[in-house]
PDB file of N, CA and C in Angstrom:
ATOM      1  N   MET A   1     -12.750 111.555  75.568  1.00  0.00           N
ATOM      2  CA  MET A   1     -13.145 110.582  76.572  1.00  0.00           C
ATOM      3  C   MET A   1     -14.018 109.522  75.893  1.00  0.00           C
ATOM      4  N   ASP A   2     -13.675 108.243  76.099  1.00  0.00           N
ATOM      5  CA  ASP A   2     -14.465 107.191  75.457  1.00  0.00           C
ATOM      6  C   ASP A   2     -15.785 106.977  76.202  1.00  0.00           C
ATOM      7  N   ALA A   3     -16.699 106.269  75.575  1.00  0.00           N
ATOM      8  CA  ALA A   3     -18.053 106.096  76.115  1.00  0.00           C
ATOM      9  C   ALA A   3     -18.050 105.383  77.457  1.00  0.00           C
ATOM     10  N   SER A   4     -17.213 104.366  77.637  1.00  0.00           N
ATOM     11  CA  SER A   4     -17.214 103.638  78.902  1.00  0.00           C
ATOM     12  C   SER A   4     -16.692 104.501  80.042  1.00  0.00           C
ATOM     13  N   ALA A   5     -15.696 105.342  79.770  1.00  0.00           N
ATOM     14  CA  ALA A   5     -15.185 106.244  80.798  1.00  0.00           C
ATOM     15  C   ALA A   5     -16.241 107.281  81.170  1.00  0.00           C
ATOM     16  N   LEU A   6     -16.960 107.769  80.172  1.00  0.00           N
ATOM     17  CA  LEU A   6     -18.033 108.734  80.426  1.00  0.00           C
ATOM     18  C   LEU A   6     -19.148 108.090  81.247  1.00  0.00           C
ATOM     19  N   LEU A   7     -19.537 106.873  80.888  1.00  0.00           N
ATOM     20  CA  LEU A   7     -20.564 106.151  81.640  1.00  0.00           C
ATOM     21  C   LEU A   7     -20.132 105.973  83.088  1.00  0.00           C
ATOM     22  N   TRP A   8     -18.876 105.539  83.298  1.00  0.00           N
ATOM     23  CA  TRP A   8     -18.379 105.337  84.661  1.00  0.00           C
ATOM     24  C   TRP A   8     -18.408 106.654  85.440  1.00  0.00           C
ATOM     25  N   LYS A   9     -17.956 107.730  84.833  1.00  0.00           N
ATOM     26  CA  LYS A   9     -17.900 109.021  85.526  1.00  0.00           C
ATOM     27  C   LYS A   9     -19.297 109.493  85.920  1.00  0.00           C
ATOM     28  N   GLN A  10     -20.260 109.357  85.006  1.00  0.00           N
ATOM     29  CA  GLN A  10     -21.634 109.766  85.307  1.00  0.00           C
ATOM     30  C   GLN A  10     -22.255 108.884  86.391  1.00  0.00           C
ATOM     31  N   TRP A  11     -22.035 107.571  86.304  1.00  0.00           N
ATOM     32  CA  TRP A  11     -22.588 106.652  87.290  1.00  0.00           C
ATOM     33  C   TRP A  11     -21.973 106.907  88.659  1.00  0.00           C
ATOM     34  N   HIS A  12     -20.659 107.092  88.706  1.00  0.00           N
ATOM     35  CA  HIS A  12     -19.995 107.358  89.973  1.00  0.00           C
ATOM     36  C   HIS A  12     -20.531 108.641  90.606  1.00  0.00           C
ATOM     37  N   GLN A  13     -20.784 109.665  89.799  1.00  0.00           N
ATOM     38  CA  GLN A  13     -21.340 110.915  90.325  1.00  0.00           C
ATOM     39  C   GLN A  13     -22.751 110.699  90.870  1.00  0.00           C
ATOM     40  N   GLN A  14     -23.555 109.883  90.202  1.00  0.00           N
ATOM     41  CA  GLN A  14     -24.905 109.604  90.699  1.00  0.00           C
ATOM     42  C   GLN A  14     -24.860 108.891  92.041  1.00  0.00           C
ATOM     43  N   VAL A  15     -23.958 107.941  92.191  1.00  0.00           N
ATOM     44  CA  VAL A  15     -23.821 107.238  93.476  1.00  0.00           C
ATOM     45  C   VAL A  15     -23.375 108.224  94.553  1.00  0.00           C
ATOM     46  N   LYS A  16     -22.437 109.100  94.217  1.00  0.00           N
ATOM     47  CA  LYS A  16     -21.982 110.103  95.183  1.00  0.00           C
ATOM     48  C   LYS A  16     -23.140 110.994  95.618  1.00  0.00           C
ATOM     49  N   ASP A  17     -23.991 111.379  94.674  1.00  0.00           N
ATOM     50  CA  ASP A  17     -25.129 112.233  94.985  1.00  0.00           C
ATOM     51  C   ASP A  17     -26.164 111.504  95.847  1.00  0.00           C
ATOM     52  N   LEU A  18     -26.387 110.223  95.569  1.00  0.00           N
ATOM     53  CA  LEU A  18     -27.376 109.456  96.319  1.00  0.00           C
ATOM     54  C   LEU A  18     -26.933 109.133  97.741  1.00  0.00           C
ATOM     55  N   PHE A  19     -25.654 108.874  97.920  1.00  0.00           N
ATOM     56  CA  PHE A  19     -25.140 108.438  99.210  1.00  0.00           C
ATOM     57  C   PHE A  19     -24.093 109.421  99.717  1.00  0.00           C
ATOM     58  N   GLY A  20     -24.500 110.658  99.908  1.00  0.00           N
ATOM     59  CA  GLY A  20     -23.594 111.728 100.289  1.00  0.00           C
ATOM     60  C   GLY A  20     -22.847 111.510 101.592  1.00  0.00           C
ATOM     61  N   GLU A  21     -23.452 110.855 102.562  1.00  0.00           N
ATOM     62  CA  GLU A  21     -22.822 110.661 103.865  1.00  0.00           C
ATOM     63  C   GLU A  21     -21.891 109.457 103.912  1.00  0.00           C
ATOM     64  N   MET A  22     -21.933 108.611 102.901  1.00  0.00           N
ATOM     65  CA  MET A  22     -21.110 107.408 102.867  1.00  0.00           C
ATOM     66  C   MET A  22     -19.667 107.789 102.532  1.00  0.00           C
ATOM     67  N   HIS A  23     -18.699 107.057 103.076  1.00  0.00           N
ATOM     68  CA  HIS A  23     -17.287 107.311 102.782  1.00  0.00           C
ATOM     69  C   HIS A  23     -17.008 107.128 101.294  1.00  0.00           C
ATOM     70  N   GLY A  24     -16.040 107.857 100.773  1.00  0.00           N
ATOM     71  CA  GLY A  24     -15.711 107.834  99.354  1.00  0.00           C
ATOM     72  C   GLY A  24     -15.366 106.465  98.819  1.00  0.00           C
ATOM     73  N   HIS A  25     -14.562 105.706  99.576  1.00  0.00           N
ATOM     74  CA  HIS A  25     -14.186 104.374  99.092  1.00  0.00           C
ATOM     75  C   HIS A  25     -15.374 103.430  99.059  1.00  0.00           C
ATOM     76  N   GLN A  26     -16.338 103.628  99.963  1.00  0.00           N
ATOM     77  CA  GLN A  26     -17.544 102.801  99.956  1.00  0.00           C
ATOM     78  C   GLN A  26     -18.421 103.137  98.758  1.00  0.00           C
ATOM     79  N   LYS A  27     -18.540 104.411  98.433  1.00  0.00           N
ATOM     80  CA  LYS A  27     -19.322 104.832  97.270  1.00  0.00           C
ATOM     81  C   LYS A  27     -18.693 104.292  95.986  1.00  0.00           C
ATOM     82  N   LYS A  28     -17.367 104.360  95.899  1.00  0.00           N
ATOM     83  CA  LYS A  28     -16.673 103.872  94.716  1.00  0.00           C
ATOM     84  C   LYS A  28     -16.878 102.363  94.561  1.00  0.00           C
ATOM     85  N   ALA A  29     -16.766 101.629  95.672  1.00  0.00           N
ATOM     86  CA  ALA A  29     -16.957 100.172  95.621  1.00  0.00           C
ATOM     87  C   ALA A  29     -18.387  99.823  95.217  1.00  0.00           C
ATOM     88  N   LEU A  30     -19.355 100.535  95.765  1.00  0.00           N
ATOM     89  CA  LEU A  30     -20.756 100.295  95.416  1.00  0.00           C
ATOM     90  C   LEU A  30     -21.009 100.577  93.939  1.00  0.00           C
ATOM     91  N   ALA A  31     -20.502 101.690  93.444  1.00  0.00           N
ATOM     92  CA  ALA A  31     -20.679 102.029  92.030  1.00  0.00           C
ATOM     93  C   ALA A  31     -20.030 100.983  91.136  1.00  0.00           C
ATOM     94  N   PHE A  32     -18.836 100.541  91.499  1.00  0.00           N
ATOM     95  CA  PHE A  32     -18.103  99.547  90.719  1.00  0.00           C
ATOM     96  C   PHE A  32     -18.841  98.209  90.719  1.00  0.00           C
ATOM     97  N   LEU A  33     -19.392  97.819  91.887  1.00  0.00           N
ATOM     98  CA  LEU A  33     -20.139  96.567  91.983  1.00  0.00           C
ATOM     99  C   LEU A  33     -21.411  96.616  91.138  1.00  0.00           C
ATOM    100  N   VAL A  34     -22.166  97.688  91.253  1.00  0.00           N
ATOM    101  CA  VAL A  34     -23.436  97.786  90.532  1.00  0.00           C
ATOM    102  C   VAL A  34     -23.211  97.803  89.025  1.00  0.00           C
ATOM    103  N   ILE A  35     -22.224  98.556  88.565  1.00  0.00           N
ATOM    104  CA  ILE A  35     -21.988  98.577  87.119  1.00  0.00           C
ATOM    105  C   ILE A  35     -21.489  97.211  86.654  1.00  0.00           C
ATOM    106  N   GLY A  36     -20.758  96.500  87.515  1.00  0.00           N
ATOM    107  CA  GLY A  36     -20.336  95.139  87.183  1.00  0.00           C
ATOM    108  C   GLY A  36     -21.520  94.198  87.060  1.00  0.00           C
ATOM    109  N   ILE A  37     -22.498  94.339  87.954  1.00  0.00           N
ATOM    110  CA  ILE A  37     -23.708  93.520  87.890  1.00  0.00           C
ATOM    111  C   ILE A  37     -24.461  93.811  86.589  1.00  0.00           C
ATOM    112  N   VAL A  38     -24.587  95.079  86.253  1.00  0.00           N
ATOM    113  CA  VAL A  38     -25.305  95.457  85.030  1.00  0.00           C
ATOM    114  C   VAL A  38     -24.602  94.906  83.797  1.00  0.00           C
ATOM    115  N   LEU A  39     -23.294  95.092  83.724  1.00  0.00           N
ATOM    116  CA  LEU A  39     -22.556  94.657  82.542  1.00  0.00           C
ATOM    117  C   LEU A  39     -22.469  93.145  82.413  1.00  0.00           C
ATOM    118  N   SER A  40     -22.373  92.440  83.551  1.00  0.00           N
ATOM    119  CA  SER A  40     -22.243  90.984  83.493  1.00  0.00           C
ATOM    120  C   SER A  40     -23.600  90.286  83.451  1.00  0.00           C
ATOM    121  N   GLY A  41     -24.655  90.978  83.872  1.00  0.00           N
ATOM    122  CA  GLY A  41     -25.988  90.389  83.862  1.00  0.00           C
ATOM    123  C   GLY A  41     -26.237  89.421  85.000  1.00  0.00           C
ATOM    124  N   THR A  42     -25.386  89.455  86.036  1.00  0.00           N
ATOM    125  CA  THR A  42     -25.543  88.553  87.169  1.00  0.00           C
ATOM    126  C   THR A  42     -25.009  89.217  88.429  1.00  0.00           C
ATOM    127  N   ALA A  43     -25.450  88.740  89.582  1.00  0.00           N
ATOM    128  CA  ALA A  43     -24.953  89.242  90.857  1.00  0.00           C
ATOM    129  C   ALA A  43     -23.959  88.267  91.477  1.00  0.00           C
ATOM    130  N   VAL A  44     -23.528  87.264  90.726  1.00  0.00           N
ATOM    131  CA  VAL A  44     -22.536  86.308  91.210  1.00  0.00           C
ATOM    132  C   VAL A  44     -21.168  86.977  91.132  1.00  0.00           C
ATOM    133  N   LEU A  45     -20.502  87.127  92.278  1.00  0.00           N
ATOM    134  CA  LEU A  45     -19.258  87.883  92.344  1.00  0.00           C
ATOM    135  C   LEU A  45     -18.194  87.367  91.379  1.00  0.00           C
ATOM    136  N   GLN A  46     -18.084  86.061  91.231  1.00  0.00           N
ATOM    137  CA  GLN A  46     -17.089  85.495  90.317  1.00  0.00           C
ATOM    138  C   GLN A  46     -17.351  85.946  88.881  1.00  0.00           C
ATOM    139  N   ARG A  47     -18.620  85.952  88.463  1.00  0.00           N
ATOM    140  CA  ARG A  47     -18.957  86.366  87.097  1.00  0.00           C
ATOM    141  C   ARG A  47     -18.671  87.858  86.889  1.00  0.00           C
ATOM    142  N   ILE A  48     -18.942  88.662  87.928  1.00  0.00           N
ATOM    143  CA  ILE A  48     -18.667  90.094  87.846  1.00  0.00           C
ATOM    144  C   ILE A  48     -17.173  90.314  87.668  1.00  0.00           C
ATOM    145  N   ALA A  49     -16.362  89.618  88.464  1.00  0.00           N
ATOM    146  CA  ALA A  49     -14.904  89.742  88.371  1.00  0.00           C
ATOM    147  C   ALA A  49     -14.410  89.294  87.004  1.00  0.00           C
ATOM    148  N   GLU A  50     -14.971  88.214  86.491  1.00  0.00           N
ATOM    149  CA  GLU A  50     -14.580  87.741  85.158  1.00  0.00           C
ATOM    150  C   GLU A  50     -14.902  88.793  84.102  1.00  0.00           C
ATOM    151  N   ARG A  51     -16.046  89.427  84.216  1.00  0.00           N
ATOM    152  CA  ARG A  51     -16.446  90.463  83.256  1.00  0.00           C
ATOM    153  C   ARG A  51     -15.477  91.645  83.308  1.00  0.00           C
ATOM    154  N   HIS A  52     -15.160  92.105  84.518  1.00  0.00           N
ATOM    155  CA  HIS A  52     -14.229  93.221  84.655  1.00  0.00           C
ATOM    156  C   HIS A  52     -12.851  92.840  84.111  1.00  0.00           C
ATOM    157  N   ALA A  53     -12.410  91.628  84.385  1.00  0.00           N
ATOM    158  CA  ALA A  53     -11.094  91.177  83.906  1.00  0.00           C
ATOM    159  C   ALA A  53     -11.077  91.065  82.377  1.00  0.00           C
ATOM    160  N   ARG A  54     -12.169  90.576  81.818  1.00  0.00           N
ATOM    161  CA  ARG A  54     -12.253  90.387  80.364  1.00  0.00           C
ATOM    162  C   ARG A  54     -12.224  91.716  79.623  1.00  0.00           C
ATOM    163  N   THR A  55     -12.828  92.735  80.202  1.00  0.00           N
ATOM    164  CA  THR A  55     -12.875  94.032  79.532  1.00  0.00           C
ATOM    165  C   THR A  55     -11.724  94.935  79.947  1.00  0.00           C
ATOM    166  N   GLY A  56     -10.872  94.438  80.841  1.00  0.00           N
ATOM    167  CA  GLY A  56      -9.756  95.259  81.300  1.00  0.00           C
ATOM    168  C   GLY A  56     -10.220  96.452  82.098  1.00  0.00           C
ATOM    169  N   ASP A  57     -11.331  96.307  82.808  1.00  0.00           N
ATOM    170  CA  ASP A  57     -11.964  97.405  83.539  1.00  0.00           C
ATOM    171  C   ASP A  57     -11.254  97.632  84.867  1.00  0.00           C
ATOM    172  N   GLN A  58     -10.403  98.650  84.917  1.00  0.00           N
ATOM    173  CA  GLN A  58      -9.656  98.973  86.132  1.00  0.00           C
ATOM    174  C   GLN A  58     -10.055 100.327  86.696  1.00  0.00           C
ATOM    175  N   ARG A  59     -11.184 100.861  86.281  1.00  0.00           N
ATOM    176  CA  ARG A  59     -11.578 102.199  86.731  1.00  0.00           C
ATOM    177  C   ARG A  59     -11.791 102.261  88.226  1.00  0.00           C
ATOM    178  N   GLY A  60     -12.153 101.169  88.862  1.00  0.00           N
ATOM    179  CA  GLY A  60     -12.389 101.191  90.301  1.00  0.00           C
ATOM    180  C   GLY A  60     -11.171 101.620  91.083  1.00  0.00           C
ATOM    181  N   GLU A  61      -9.982 101.296  90.584  1.00  0.00           N
ATOM    182  CA  GLU A  61      -8.754 101.670  91.264  1.00  0.00           C
ATOM    183  C   GLU A  61      -8.350 103.105  90.955  1.00  0.00           C
ATOM    184  N   ASN A  62      -8.796 103.647  89.826  1.00  0.00           N
ATOM    185  CA  ASN A  62      -8.317 104.943  89.380  1.00  0.00           C
ATOM    186  C   ASN A  62      -9.361 106.041  89.435  1.00  0.00           C
ATOM    187  N   ALA A  63     -10.580 105.707  89.762  1.00  0.00           N
ATOM    188  CA  ALA A  63     -11.647 106.723  89.750  1.00  0.00           C
ATOM    189  C   ALA A  63     -11.438 107.738  90.867  1.00  0.00           C
ATOM    190  N   GLU A  64     -11.851 108.952  90.601  1.00  0.00           N
ATOM    191  CA  GLU A  64     -11.738 110.010  91.597  1.00  0.00           C
ATOM    192  C   GLU A  64     -12.860 109.907  92.608  1.00  0.00           C
ATOM    193  N   HIS A  65     -12.625 110.430  93.799  1.00  0.00           N
ATOM    194  CA  HIS A  65     -13.669 110.446  94.850  1.00  0.00           C
ATOM    195  C   HIS A  65     -14.614 111.572  94.584  1.00  0.00           C
TER     196      HIS A  65
END
């Protein structure tokens, strides 16, 4: 498992633990958004999307609940 996949898996689990009552798709979206903000260094949605597109980051669609 590569480092980015491990980071995503650990972060997704932390979000699941913090927001246990939230629906799975909402937790996944929140985790994906926050890691995008961290990696892109901004909360501007366009910049986050550009960062995910540039790195080929598609884990949000494939991550487990």
